[in-house]
Amino acid sequence: VHIRRDDRESAIESCQEVVRRLEAGMTMCVFPEGTRTRDGALGPFKKGMFRVAVDAGRAVVPVAIRGLHDVSPYGTSLVASGPIEIRIGRPIPPPPPGPEACEALSQLVHQALETALR
C-alpha cells in the first residue's frame, strides 16, 4: 500500500486500507522512517504506521537490517552486492488506544531497533 505523504487525505485513506488488511489477517512490512537515512543511522519514525498498529490491535515485530546502508545508500536506486545482517526482535504488543499510545509504541520499537543495531 503506497502512502502519499504529500496528500493528507490520500495518506489517511491508505492507512485505513492497511488497517483493513491487518484486520483481515495480513502481515505488513513497513519502514517506519519513511525513507533511507543519509548516514545509515536509525532516524526518527513517522507516526502513521504506529497509529495503524494501535487501531488494528496488532503487534509490531522489529526487524533490524544492519549493513543495508552500505549496499543501498541514500540517493541510489540500485542495491549492490554486500553483506547484511537481519535481526528479528520479539513482537511488541500495541498499548491500549489512547492519546499517547502511538508515541509509546513508536518509542518501544525505536529502542528495540537501536539495541538490535548495536
PDB file of N, CA and C in Angstrom:
ATOM      1  N   VAL A   1       0.863  -1.165   0.000  1.00  0.00           N
ATOM      2  CA  VAL A   1       0.000   0.000   0.000  1.00  0.00           C
ATOM      3  C   VAL A   1       0.904   1.221   0.000  1.00  0.00           C
ATOM      4  N   HIS A   2       0.818   2.002  -1.048  1.00  0.00           N
ATOM      5  CA  HIS A   2       1.633   3.214  -1.147  1.00  0.00           C
ATOM      6  C   HIS A   2       0.961   4.339  -0.366  1.00  0.00           C
ATOM      7  N   ILE A   3       1.759   5.042   0.409  1.00  0.00           N
ATOM      8  CA  ILE A   3       1.229   6.160   1.182  1.00  0.00           C
ATOM      9  C   ILE A   3       1.830   7.449   0.649  1.00  0.00           C
ATOM     10  N   ARG A   4       0.958   8.314   0.159  1.00  0.00           N
ATOM     11  CA  ARG A   4       1.392   9.612  -0.373  1.00  0.00           C
ATOM     12  C   ARG A   4       1.435  10.609   0.774  1.00  0.00           C
ATOM     13  N   ARG A   5       2.621  10.863   1.276  1.00  0.00           N
ATOM     14  CA  ARG A   5       2.771  11.760   2.417  1.00  0.00           C
ATOM     15  C   ARG A   5       2.464  13.208   2.065  1.00  0.00           C
ATOM     16  N   ASP A   6       2.487  13.554   0.785  1.00  0.00           N
ATOM     17  CA  ASP A   6       2.219  14.931   0.379  1.00  0.00           C
ATOM     18  C   ASP A   6       0.720  15.227   0.256  1.00  0.00           C
ATOM     19  N   ASP A   7      -0.118  14.208   0.437  1.00  0.00           N
ATOM     20  CA  ASP A   7      -1.568  14.365   0.319  1.00  0.00           C
ATOM     21  C   ASP A   7      -2.209  13.730   1.553  1.00  0.00           C
ATOM     22  N   ARG A   8      -2.531  14.562   2.546  1.00  0.00           N
ATOM     23  CA  ARG A   8      -3.031  14.062   3.830  1.00  0.00           C
ATOM     24  C   ARG A   8      -4.243  13.158   3.672  1.00  0.00           C
ATOM     25  N   GLU A   9      -5.211  13.555   2.874  1.00  0.00           N
ATOM     26  CA  GLU A   9      -6.430  12.757   2.701  1.00  0.00           C
ATOM     27  C   GLU A   9      -6.102  11.389   2.102  1.00  0.00           C
ATOM     28  N   SER A  10      -5.258  11.370   1.097  1.00  0.00           N
ATOM     29  CA  SER A  10      -4.842  10.113   0.480  1.00  0.00           C
ATOM     30  C   SER A  10      -4.080   9.250   1.482  1.00  0.00           C
ATOM     31  N   ALA A  11      -3.223   9.876   2.290  1.00  0.00           N
ATOM     32  CA  ALA A  11      -2.449   9.132   3.288  1.00  0.00           C
ATOM     33  C   ALA A  11      -3.377   8.488   4.316  1.00  0.00           C
ATOM     34  N   ILE A  12      -4.387   9.217   4.747  1.00  0.00           N
ATOM     35  CA  ILE A  12      -5.354   8.671   5.707  1.00  0.00           C
ATOM     36  C   ILE A  12      -6.101   7.488   5.098  1.00  0.00           C
ATOM     37  N   GLU A  13      -6.539   7.623   3.846  1.00  0.00           N
ATOM     38  CA  GLU A  13      -7.227   6.519   3.172  1.00  0.00           C
ATOM     39  C   GLU A  13      -6.315   5.299   3.052  1.00  0.00           C
ATOM     40  N   SER A  14      -5.043   5.519   2.746  1.00  0.00           N
ATOM     41  CA  SER A  14      -4.088   4.410   2.633  1.00  0.00           C
ATOM     42  C   SER A  14      -3.906   3.720   3.985  1.00  0.00           C
ATOM     43  N   CYS A  15      -3.813   4.509   5.045  1.00  0.00           N
ATOM     44  CA  CYS A  15      -3.673   3.931   6.381  1.00  0.00           C
ATOM     45  C   CYS A  15      -4.914   3.117   6.756  1.00  0.00           C
ATOM     46  N   GLN A  16      -6.094   3.602   6.374  1.00  0.00           N
ATOM     47  CA  GLN A  16      -7.324   2.851   6.633  1.00  0.00           C
ATOM     48  C   GLN A  16      -7.312   1.524   5.866  1.00  0.00           C
ATOM     49  N   GLU A  17      -6.758   1.531   4.664  1.00  0.00           N
ATOM     50  CA  GLU A  17      -6.640   0.291   3.885  1.00  0.00           C
ATOM     51  C   GLU A  17      -5.687  -0.682   4.574  1.00  0.00           C
ATOM     52  N   VAL A  18      -4.606  -0.166   5.129  1.00  0.00           N
ATOM     53  CA  VAL A  18      -3.669  -1.034   5.861  1.00  0.00           C
ATOM     54  C   VAL A  18      -4.368  -1.646   7.069  1.00  0.00           C
ATOM     55  N   VAL A  19      -5.147  -0.850   7.800  1.00  0.00           N
ATOM     56  CA  VAL A  19      -5.894  -1.375   8.953  1.00  0.00           C
ATOM     57  C   VAL A  19      -6.818  -2.502   8.505  1.00  0.00           C
ATOM     58  N   ARG A  20      -7.546  -2.304   7.404  1.00  0.00           N
ATOM     59  CA  ARG A  20      -8.455  -3.352   6.905  1.00  0.00           C
ATOM     60  C   ARG A  20      -7.679  -4.634   6.580  1.00  0.00           C
ATOM     61  N   ARG A  21      -6.529  -4.487   5.960  1.00  0.00           N
ATOM     62  CA  ARG A  21      -5.729  -5.665   5.601  1.00  0.00           C
ATOM     63  C   ARG A  21      -5.197  -6.371   6.837  1.00  0.00           C
ATOM     64  N   LEU A  22      -4.764  -5.610   7.824  1.00  0.00           N
ATOM     65  CA  LEU A  22      -4.289  -6.221   9.069  1.00  0.00           C
ATOM     66  C   LEU A  22      -5.423  -6.942   9.783  1.00  0.00           C
ATOM     67  N   GLU A  23      -6.583  -6.309   9.829  1.00  0.00           N
ATOM     68  CA  GLU A  23      -7.740  -6.943  10.474  1.00  0.00           C
ATOM     69  C   GLU A  23      -8.163  -8.214   9.744  1.00  0.00           C
ATOM     70  N   ALA A  24      -7.864  -8.298   8.452  1.00  0.00           N
ATOM     71  CA  ALA A  24      -8.178  -9.490   7.660  1.00  0.00           C
ATOM     72  C   ALA A  24      -7.111 -10.577   7.826  1.00  0.00           C
ATOM     73  N   GLY A  25      -6.080 -10.272   8.618  1.00  0.00           N
ATOM     74  CA  GLY A  25      -5.065 -11.293   8.900  1.00  0.00           C
ATOM     75  C   GLY A  25      -3.764 -11.150   8.138  1.00  0.00           C
ATOM     76  N   MET A  26      -3.649 -10.116   7.320  1.00  0.00           N
ATOM     77  CA  MET A  26      -2.410  -9.933   6.569  1.00  0.00           C
ATOM     78  C   MET A  26      -1.294  -9.429   7.485  1.00  0.00           C
ATOM     79  N   THR A  27      -0.084  -9.664   7.056  1.00  0.00           N
ATOM     80  CA  THR A  27       1.105  -9.136   7.705  1.00  0.00           C
ATOM     81  C   THR A  27       1.701  -8.096   6.780  1.00  0.00           C
ATOM     82  N   MET A  28       2.143  -6.984   7.332  1.00  0.00           N
ATOM     83  CA  MET A  28       2.698  -5.898   6.521  1.00  0.00           C
ATOM     84  C   MET A  28       4.145  -5.644   6.922  1.00  0.00           C
ATOM     85  N   CYS A  29       4.956  -5.284   5.960  1.00  0.00           N
ATOM     86  CA  CYS A  29       6.323  -4.853   6.196  1.00  0.00           C
ATOM     87  C   CYS A  29       6.352  -3.341   5.994  1.00  0.00           C
ATOM     88  N   VAL A  30       6.825  -2.627   7.004  1.00  0.00           N
ATOM     89  CA  VAL A  30       6.802  -1.175   6.967  1.00  0.00           C
ATOM     90  C   VAL A  30       8.184  -0.653   7.350  1.00  0.00           C
ATOM     91  N   PHE A  31       8.627   0.375   6.669  1.00  0.00           N
ATOM     92  CA  PHE A  31       9.860   1.057   7.029  1.00  0.00           C
ATOM     93  C   PHE A  31       9.450   2.358   7.706  1.00  0.00           C
ATOM     94  N   PRO A  32       9.449   2.384   9.046  1.00  0.00           N
ATOM     95  CA  PRO A  32       8.826   3.495   9.768  1.00  0.00           C
ATOM     96  C   PRO A  32       9.525   4.841   9.627  1.00  0.00           C
ATOM     97  N   GLU A  33      10.742   4.863   9.125  1.00  0.00           N
ATOM     98  CA  GLU A  33      11.407   6.152   8.914  1.00  0.00           C
ATOM     99  C   GLU A  33      10.861   6.848   7.666  1.00  0.00           C
ATOM    100  N   GLY A  34      10.260   6.086   6.776  1.00  0.00           N
ATOM    101  CA  GLY A  34       9.671   6.660   5.575  1.00  0.00           C
ATOM    102  C   GLY A  34      10.642   6.817   4.425  1.00  0.00           C
ATOM    103  N   THR A  35      11.928   6.675   4.691  1.00  0.00           N
ATOM    104  CA  THR A  35      12.955   6.794   3.660  1.00  0.00           C
ATOM    105  C   THR A  35      14.262   6.240   4.207  1.00  0.00           C
ATOM    106  N   ARG A  36      15.234   6.127   3.344  1.00  0.00           N
ATOM    107  CA  ARG A  36      16.567   5.721   3.805  1.00  0.00           C
ATOM    108  C   ARG A  36      17.278   6.937   4.398  1.00  0.00           C
ATOM    109  N   THR A  37      18.102   6.700   5.397  1.00  0.00           N
ATOM    110  CA  THR A  37      18.823   7.806   6.017  1.00  0.00           C
ATOM    111  C   THR A  37      20.077   8.126   5.212  1.00  0.00           C
ATOM    112  N   ARG A  38      20.511   9.356   5.313  1.00  0.00           N
ATOM    113  CA  ARG A  38      21.705   9.795   4.585  1.00  0.00           C
ATOM    114  C   ARG A  38      22.984   9.186   5.156  1.00  0.00           C
ATOM    115  N   ASP A  39      22.992   8.926   6.472  1.00  0.00           N
ATOM    116  CA  ASP A  39      24.223   8.437   7.108  1.00  0.00           C
ATOM    117  C   ASP A  39      24.140   6.986   7.579  1.00  0.00           C
ATOM    118  N   GLY A  40      23.007   6.336   7.395  1.00  0.00           N
ATOM    119  CA  GLY A  40      22.864   4.943   7.807  1.00  0.00           C
ATOM    120  C   GLY A  40      22.416   4.775   9.252  1.00  0.00           C
ATOM    121  N   ALA A  41      22.343   5.868  10.010  1.00  0.00           N
ATOM    122  CA  ALA A  41      21.890   5.783  11.400  1.00  0.00           C
ATOM    123  C   ALA A  41      20.362   5.696  11.447  1.00  0.00           C
ATOM    124  N   LEU A  42      19.862   5.091  12.494  1.00  0.00           N
ATOM    125  CA  LEU A  42      18.418   4.992  12.676  1.00  0.00           C
ATOM    126  C   LEU A  42      17.848   6.394  12.872  1.00  0.00           C
ATOM    127  N   GLY A  43      16.890   6.760  12.061  1.00  0.00           N
ATOM    128  CA  GLY A  43      16.321   8.098  12.114  1.00  0.00           C
ATOM    129  C   GLY A  43      15.010   8.133  12.874  1.00  0.00           C
ATOM    130  N   PRO A  44      14.383   9.305  12.916  1.00  0.00           N
ATOM    131  CA  PRO A  44      13.077   9.423  13.570  1.00  0.00           C
ATOM    132  C   PRO A  44      12.005   8.701  12.756  1.00  0.00           C
ATOM    133  N   PHE A  45      10.999   8.229  13.452  1.00  0.00           N
ATOM    134  CA  PHE A  45       9.922   7.484  12.810  1.00  0.00           C
ATOM    135  C   PHE A  45       8.759   8.398  12.460  1.00  0.00           C
ATOM    136  N   LYS A  46       8.080   8.060  11.374  1.00  0.00           N
ATOM    137  CA  LYS A  46       6.776   8.639  11.054  1.00  0.00           C
ATOM    138  C   LYS A  46       5.768   7.950  11.982  1.00  0.00           C
ATOM    139  N   LYS A  47       4.718   8.610  12.320  1.00  0.00           N
ATOM    140  CA  LYS A  47       3.770   8.068  13.309  1.00  0.00           C
ATOM    141  C   LYS A  47       2.634   7.239  12.715  1.00  0.00           C
ATOM    142  N   GLY A  48       2.371   7.377  11.422  1.00  0.00           N
ATOM    143  CA  GLY A  48       1.199   6.753  10.821  1.00  0.00           C
ATOM    144  C   GLY A  48       1.072   5.264  11.042  1.00  0.00           C
ATOM    145  N   MET A  49       2.141   4.539  10.852  1.00  0.00           N
ATOM    146  CA  MET A  49       2.039   3.087  10.962  1.00  0.00           C
ATOM    147  C   MET A  49       1.863   2.623  12.403  1.00  0.00           C
ATOM    148  N   PHE A  50       2.294   3.439  13.352  1.00  0.00           N
ATOM    149  CA  PHE A  50       2.058   3.088  14.752  1.00  0.00           C
ATOM    150  C   PHE A  50       0.604   3.336  15.116  1.00  0.00           C
ATOM    151  N   ARG A  51       0.003   4.361  14.522  1.00  0.00           N
ATOM    152  CA  ARG A  51      -1.433   4.602  14.687  1.00  0.00           C
ATOM    153  C   ARG A  51      -2.204   3.414  14.098  1.00  0.00           C
ATOM    154  N   VAL A  52      -1.752   2.933  12.946  1.00  0.00           N
ATOM    155  CA  VAL A  52      -2.388   1.776  12.304  1.00  0.00           C
ATOM    156  C   VAL A  52      -2.300   0.557  13.213  1.00  0.00           C
ATOM    157  N   ALA A  53      -1.120   0.292  13.783  1.00  0.00           N
ATOM    158  CA  ALA A  53      -0.949  -0.880  14.658  1.00  0.00           C
ATOM    159  C   ALA A  53      -1.862  -0.788  15.870  1.00  0.00           C
ATOM    160  N   VAL A  54      -1.950   0.396  16.460  1.00  0.00           N
ATOM    161  CA  VAL A  54      -2.831   0.584  17.626  1.00  0.00           C
ATOM    162  C   VAL A  54      -4.284   0.397  17.211  1.00  0.00           C
ATOM    163  N   ASP A  55      -4.694   1.030  16.111  1.00  0.00           N
ATOM    164  CA  ASP A  55      -6.084   0.929  15.650  1.00  0.00           C
ATOM    165  C   ASP A  55      -6.477  -0.506  15.306  1.00  0.00           C
ATOM    166  N   ALA A  56      -5.535  -1.247  14.719  1.00  0.00           N
ATOM    167  CA  ALA A  56      -5.828  -2.632  14.329  1.00  0.00           C
ATOM    168  C   ALA A  56      -5.575  -3.618  15.462  1.00  0.00           C
ATOM    169  N   GLY A  57      -4.979  -3.143  16.562  1.00  0.00           N
ATOM    170  CA  GLY A  57      -4.683  -4.033  17.687  1.00  0.00           C
ATOM    171  C   GLY A  57      -3.639  -5.079  17.347  1.00  0.00           C
ATOM    172  N   ARG A  58      -2.679  -4.710  16.507  1.00  0.00           N
ATOM    173  CA  ARG A  58      -1.670  -5.665  16.043  1.00  0.00           C
ATOM    174  C   ARG A  58      -0.301  -5.340  16.622  1.00  0.00           C
ATOM    175  N   ALA A  59       0.430  -6.396  16.952  1.00  0.00           N
ATOM    176  CA  ALA A  59       1.790  -6.251  17.468  1.00  0.00           C
ATOM    177  C   ALA A  59       2.730  -5.820  16.341  1.00  0.00           C
ATOM    178  N   VAL A  60       3.820  -5.210  16.733  1.00  0.00           N
ATOM    179  CA  VAL A  60       4.871  -4.819  15.800  1.00  0.00           C
ATOM    180  C   VAL A  60       6.083  -5.689  16.079  1.00  0.00           C
ATOM    181  N   VAL A  61       6.613  -6.304  15.036  1.00  0.00           N
ATOM    182  CA  VAL A  61       7.822  -7.107  15.163  1.00  0.00           C
ATOM    183  C   VAL A  61       8.984  -6.284  14.607  1.00  0.00           C
ATOM    184  N   PRO A  62       9.888  -5.834  15.479  1.00  0.00           N
ATOM    185  CA  PRO A  62      11.008  -5.034  14.991  1.00  0.00           C
ATOM    186  C   PRO A  62      11.997  -5.900  14.204  1.00  0.00           C
ATOM    187  N   VAL A  63      12.361  -5.440  13.027  1.00  0.00           N
ATOM    188  CA  VAL A  63      13.341  -6.141  12.191  1.00  0.00           C
ATOM    189  C   VAL A  63      14.432  -5.141  11.837  1.00  0.00           C
ATOM    190  N   ALA A  64      15.636  -5.395  12.329  1.00  0.00           N
ATOM    191  CA  ALA A  64      16.773  -4.507  12.068  1.00  0.00           C
ATOM    192  C   ALA A  64      17.615  -5.107  10.946  1.00  0.00           C
ATOM    193  N   ILE A  65      17.988  -4.271  10.001  1.00  0.00           N
ATOM    194  CA  ILE A  65      18.823  -4.719   8.884  1.00  0.00           C
ATOM    195  C   ILE A  65      20.143  -3.949   8.958  1.00  0.00           C
ATOM    196  N   ARG A  66      21.178  -4.619   9.449  1.00  0.00           N
ATOM    197  CA  ARG A  66      22.497  -4.000   9.554  1.00  0.00           C
ATOM    198  C   ARG A  66      23.226  -4.144   8.227  1.00  0.00           C
ATOM    199  N   GLY A  67      23.857  -3.065   7.790  1.00  0.00           N
ATOM    200  CA  GLY A  67      24.635  -3.104   6.554  1.00  0.00           C
ATOM    201  C   GLY A  67      23.867  -2.683   5.319  1.00  0.00           C
ATOM    202  N   LEU A  68      22.592  -2.410   5.456  1.00  0.00           N
ATOM    203  CA  LEU A  68      21.785  -2.038   4.291  1.00  0.00           C
ATOM    204  C   LEU A  68      22.256  -0.717   3.684  1.00  0.00           C
ATOM    205  N   HIS A  69      22.669   0.202   4.524  1.00  0.00           N
ATOM    206  CA  HIS A  69      23.149   1.496   4.020  1.00  0.00           C
ATOM    207  C   HIS A  69      24.364   1.320   3.108  1.00  0.00           C
ATOM    208  N   ASP A  70      25.196   0.349   3.410  1.00  0.00           N
ATOM    209  CA  ASP A  70      26.400   0.118   2.606  1.00  0.00           C
ATOM    210  C   ASP A  70      26.081  -0.439   1.217  1.00  0.00           C
ATOM    211  N   VAL A  71      25.022  -1.224   1.118  1.00  0.00           N
ATOM    212  CA  VAL A  71      24.694  -1.825  -0.182  1.00  0.00           C
ATOM    213  C   VAL A  71      23.639  -1.030  -0.955  1.00  0.00           C
ATOM    214  N   SER A  72      22.961  -0.122  -0.260  1.00  0.00           N
ATOM    215  CA  SER A  72      21.947   0.696  -0.921  1.00  0.00           C
ATOM    216  C   SER A  72      21.877   2.063  -0.249  1.00  0.00           C
ATOM    217  N   PRO A  73      22.900   2.903  -0.435  1.00  0.00           N
ATOM    218  CA  PRO A  73      22.922   4.201   0.232  1.00  0.00           C
ATOM    219  C   PRO A  73      21.856   5.149  -0.294  1.00  0.00           C
ATOM    220  N   TYR A  74      21.588   6.144   0.508  1.00  0.00           N
ATOM    221  CA  TYR A  74      20.624   7.182   0.155  1.00  0.00           C
ATOM    222  C   TYR A  74      20.985   7.778  -1.204  1.00  0.00           C
ATOM    223  N   GLY A  75      19.981   7.988  -2.029  1.00  0.00           N
ATOM    224  CA  GLY A  75      20.195   8.615  -3.328  1.00  0.00           C
ATOM    225  C   GLY A  75      20.464   7.643  -4.459  1.00  0.00           C
ATOM    226  N   THR A  76      20.568   6.341  -4.155  1.00  0.00           N
ATOM    227  CA  THR A  76      20.760   5.354  -5.212  1.00  0.00           C
ATOM    228  C   THR A  76      19.488   4.559  -5.390  1.00  0.00           C
ATOM    229  N   SER A  77      19.306   4.012  -6.569  1.00  0.00           N
ATOM    230  CA  SER A  77      18.113   3.198  -6.799  1.00  0.00           C
ATOM    231  C   SER A  77      18.455   1.721  -6.931  1.00  0.00           C
ATOM    232  N   LEU A  78      19.729   1.410  -6.977  1.00  0.00           N
ATOM    233  CA  LEU A  78      20.151   0.021  -7.108  1.00  0.00           C
ATOM    234  C   LEU A  78      20.695  -0.500  -5.789  1.00  0.00           C
ATOM    235  N   VAL A  79      20.615  -1.800  -5.608  1.00  0.00           N
ATOM    236  CA  VAL A  79      21.187  -2.450  -4.443  1.00  0.00           C
ATOM    237  C   VAL A  79      22.437  -3.186  -4.903  1.00  0.00           C
ATOM    238  N   ALA A  80      23.569  -2.857  -4.308  1.00  0.00           N
ATOM    239  CA  ALA A  80      24.830  -3.501  -4.645  1.00  0.00           C
ATOM    240  C   ALA A  80      24.971  -4.796  -3.854  1.00  0.00           C
ATOM    241  N   SER A  81      25.912  -5.600  -4.256  1.00  0.00           N
ATOM    242  CA  SER A  81      26.209  -6.831  -3.541  1.00  0.00           C
ATOM    243  C   SER A  81      26.990  -6.501  -2.276  1.00  0.00           C
ATOM    244  N   GLY A  82      26.721  -7.185  -1.208  1.00  0.00           N
ATOM    245  CA  GLY A  82      27.450  -6.980   0.030  1.00  0.00           C
ATOM    246  C   GLY A  82      26.742  -7.658   1.188  1.00  0.00           C
ATOM    247  N   PRO A  83      27.446  -7.778   2.298  1.00  0.00           N
ATOM    248  CA  PRO A  83      26.854  -8.471   3.452  1.00  0.00           C
ATOM    249  C   PRO A  83      25.859  -7.588   4.206  1.00  0.00           C
ATOM    250  N   ILE A  84      24.767  -8.199   4.628  1.00  0.00           N
ATOM    251  CA  ILE A  84      23.827  -7.556   5.541  1.00  0.00           C
ATOM    252  C   ILE A  84      23.498  -8.570   6.628  1.00  0.00           C
ATOM    253  N   GLU A  85      23.019  -8.082   7.729  1.00  0.00           N
ATOM    254  CA  GLU A  85      22.613  -8.943   8.837  1.00  0.00           C
ATOM    255  C   GLU A  85      21.207  -8.534   9.234  1.00  0.00           C
ATOM    256  N   ILE A  86      20.328  -9.510   9.357  1.00  0.00           N
ATOM    257  CA  ILE A  86      18.942  -9.235   9.734  1.00  0.00           C
ATOM    258  C   ILE A  86      18.703  -9.785  11.128  1.00  0.00           C
ATOM    259  N   ARG A  87      18.217  -8.931  11.997  1.00  0.00           N
ATOM    260  CA  ARG A  87      17.909  -9.333  13.375  1.00  0.00           C
ATOM    261  C   ARG A  87      16.418  -9.101  13.613  1.00  0.00           C
ATOM    262  N   ILE A  88      15.745 -10.152  14.024  1.00  0.00           N
ATOM    263  CA  ILE A  88      14.301 -10.087  14.253  1.00  0.00           C
ATOM    264  C   ILE A  88      14.043 -10.091  15.751  1.00  0.00           C
ATOM    265  N   GLY A  89      13.354  -9.056  16.204  1.00  0.00           N
ATOM    266  CA  GLY A  89      13.073  -8.918  17.628  1.00  0.00           C
ATOM    267  C   GLY A  89      11.772  -9.596  18.030  1.00  0.00           C
ATOM    268  N   ARG A  90      11.491  -9.498  19.293  1.00  0.00           N
ATOM    269  CA  ARG A  90      10.249 -10.054  19.834  1.00  0.00           C
ATOM    270  C   ARG A  90       9.080  -9.124  19.489  1.00  0.00           C
ATOM    271  N   PRO A  91       7.908  -9.689  19.241  1.00  0.00           N
ATOM    272  CA  PRO A  91       6.741  -8.848  18.962  1.00  0.00           C
ATOM    273  C   PRO A  91       6.451  -7.892  20.121  1.00  0.00           C
ATOM    274  N   ILE A  92       6.113  -6.681  19.786  1.00  0.00           N
ATOM    275  CA  ILE A  92       5.748  -5.670  20.777  1.00  0.00           C
ATOM    276  C   ILE A  92       4.257  -5.402  20.625  1.00  0.00           C
ATOM    277  N   PRO A  93       3.466  -5.822  21.617  1.00  0.00           N
ATOM    278  CA  PRO A  93       2.016  -5.615  21.503  1.00  0.00           C
ATOM    279  C   PRO A  93       1.673  -4.135  21.589  1.00  0.00           C
ATOM    280  N   PRO A  94       0.615  -3.729  20.912  1.00  0.00           N
ATOM    281  CA  PRO A  94       0.234  -2.318  20.982  1.00  0.00           C
ATOM    282  C   PRO A  94      -0.351  -1.993  22.349  1.00  0.00           C
ATOM    283  N   PRO A  95      -0.116  -0.791  22.834  1.00  0.00           N
ATOM    284  CA  PRO A  95      -0.769  -0.384  24.075  1.00  0.00           C
ATOM    285  C   PRO A  95      -2.252  -0.160  23.811  1.00  0.00           C
ATOM    286  N   PRO A  96      -3.050  -0.061  24.867  1.00  0.00           N
ATOM    287  CA  PRO A  96      -4.466   0.259  24.668  1.00  0.00           C
ATOM    288  C   PRO A  96      -4.603   1.596  23.947  1.00  0.00           C
ATOM    289  N   PRO A  97      -5.610   1.738  23.098  1.00  0.00           N
ATOM    290  CA  PRO A  97      -5.811   3.014  22.398  1.00  0.00           C
ATOM    291  C   PRO A  97      -5.912   4.174  23.379  1.00  0.00           C
ATOM    292  N   GLY A  98      -5.346   5.278  22.978  1.00  0.00           N
ATOM    293  CA  GLY A  98      -5.380   6.478  23.807  1.00  0.00           C
ATOM    294  C   GLY A  98      -4.488   7.531  23.186  1.00  0.00           C
ATOM    295  N   PRO A  99      -4.463   8.711  23.769  1.00  0.00           N
ATOM    296  CA  PRO A  99      -3.724   9.814  23.152  1.00  0.00           C
ATOM    297  C   PRO A  99      -2.209   9.584  23.067  1.00  0.00           C
ATOM    298  N   GLU A 100      -1.651   8.775  23.933  1.00  0.00           N
ATOM    299  CA  GLU A 100      -0.198   8.557  23.948  1.00  0.00           C
ATOM    300  C   GLU A 100       0.199   7.199  23.375  1.00  0.00           C
ATOM    301  N   ALA A 101      -0.760   6.395  22.938  1.00  0.00           N
ATOM    302  CA  ALA A 101      -0.480   5.025  22.511  1.00  0.00           C
ATOM    303  C   ALA A 101       0.477   4.962  21.325  1.00  0.00           C
ATOM    304  N   CYS A 102       0.222   5.784  20.348  1.00  0.00           N
ATOM    305  CA  CYS A 102       1.028   5.796  19.128  1.00  0.00           C
ATOM    306  C   CYS A 102       2.482   6.139  19.448  1.00  0.00           C
ATOM    307  N   GLU A 103       2.701   7.186  20.204  1.00  0.00           N
ATOM    308  CA  GLU A 103       4.052   7.623  20.576  1.00  0.00           C
ATOM    309  C   GLU A 103       4.745   6.574  21.441  1.00  0.00           C
ATOM    310  N   ALA A 104       4.015   5.967  22.365  1.00  0.00           N
ATOM    311  CA  ALA A 104       4.596   4.942  23.239  1.00  0.00           C
ATOM    312  C   ALA A 104       5.069   3.742  22.421  1.00  0.00           C
ATOM    313  N   LEU A 105       4.247   3.292  21.485  1.00  0.00           N
ATOM    314  CA  LEU A 105       4.626   2.156  20.646  1.00  0.00           C
ATOM    315  C   LEU A 105       5.824   2.512  19.772  1.00  0.00           C
ATOM    316  N   SER A 106       5.822   3.703  19.206  1.00  0.00           N
ATOM    317  CA  SER A 106       6.934   4.164  18.385  1.00  0.00           C
ATOM    318  C   SER A 106       8.234   4.145  19.174  1.00  0.00           C
ATOM    319  N   GLN A 107       8.208   4.636  20.408  1.00  0.00           N
ATOM    320  CA  GLN A 107       9.405   4.664  21.236  1.00  0.00           C
ATOM    321  C   GLN A 107       9.904   3.266  21.572  1.00  0.00           C
ATOM    322  N   LEU A 108       8.986   2.346  21.873  1.00  0.00           N
ATOM    323  CA  LEU A 108       9.376   0.971  22.177  1.00  0.00           C
ATOM    324  C   LEU A 108      10.057   0.306  20.978  1.00  0.00           C
ATOM    325  N   VAL A 109       9.493   0.515  19.804  1.00  0.00           N
ATOM    326  CA  VAL A 109      10.066  -0.077  18.592  1.00  0.00           C
ATOM    327  C   VAL A 109      11.410   0.569  18.275  1.00  0.00           C
ATOM    328  N   HIS A 110      11.509   1.872  18.424  1.00  0.00           N
ATOM    329  CA  HIS A 110      12.775   2.570  18.165  1.00  0.00           C
ATOM    330  C   HIS A 110      13.869   2.038  19.091  1.00  0.00           C
ATOM    331  N   GLN A 111      13.545   1.877  20.370  1.00  0.00           N
ATOM    332  CA  GLN A 111      14.517   1.352  21.334  1.00  0.00           C
ATOM    333  C   GLN A 111      14.942  -0.065  20.968  1.00  0.00           C
ATOM    334  N   ALA A 112      13.988  -0.899  20.572  1.00  0.00           N
ATOM    335  CA  ALA A 112      14.305  -2.281  20.191  1.00  0.00           C
ATOM    336  C   ALA A 112      15.239  -2.312  18.981  1.00  0.00           C
ATOM    337  N   LEU A 113      14.982  -1.443  18.017  1.00  0.00           N
ATOM    338  CA  LEU A 113      15.833  -1.407  16.828  1.00  0.00           C
ATOM    339  C   LEU A 113      17.218  -0.843  17.135  1.00  0.00           C
ATOM    340  N   GLU A 114      17.281   0.170  17.982  1.00  0.00           N
ATOM    341  CA  GLU A 114      18.587   0.703  18.384  1.00  0.00           C
ATOM    342  C   GLU A 114      19.426  -0.388  19.029  1.00  0.00           C
ATOM    343  N   THR A 115      18.809  -1.162  19.910  1.00  0.00           N
ATOM    344  CA  THR A 115      19.512  -2.252  20.588  1.00  0.00           C
ATOM    345  C   THR A 115      19.975  -3.300  19.570  1.00  0.00           C
ATOM    346  N   ALA A 116      19.124  -3.665  18.655  1.00  0.00           N
ATOM    347  CA  ALA A 116      19.462  -4.696  17.649  1.00  0.00           C
ATOM    348  C   ALA A 116      20.568  -4.240  16.711  1.00  0.00           C
ATOM    349  N   LEU A 117      20.640  -2.949  16.450  1.00  0.00           N
ATOM    350  CA  LEU A 117      21.641  -2.441  15.510  1.00  0.00           C
ATOM    351  C   LEU A 117      23.019  -2.259  16.148  1.00  0.00           C
ATOM    352  N   ARG A 118      23.100  -2.317  17.468  1.00  0.00           N
ATOM    353  CA  ARG A 118      24.405  -2.187  18.137  1.00  0.00           C
ATOM    354  C   ARG A 118      25.232  -3.419  17.942  1.00  0.00           C
TER     355      ARG A 118
END
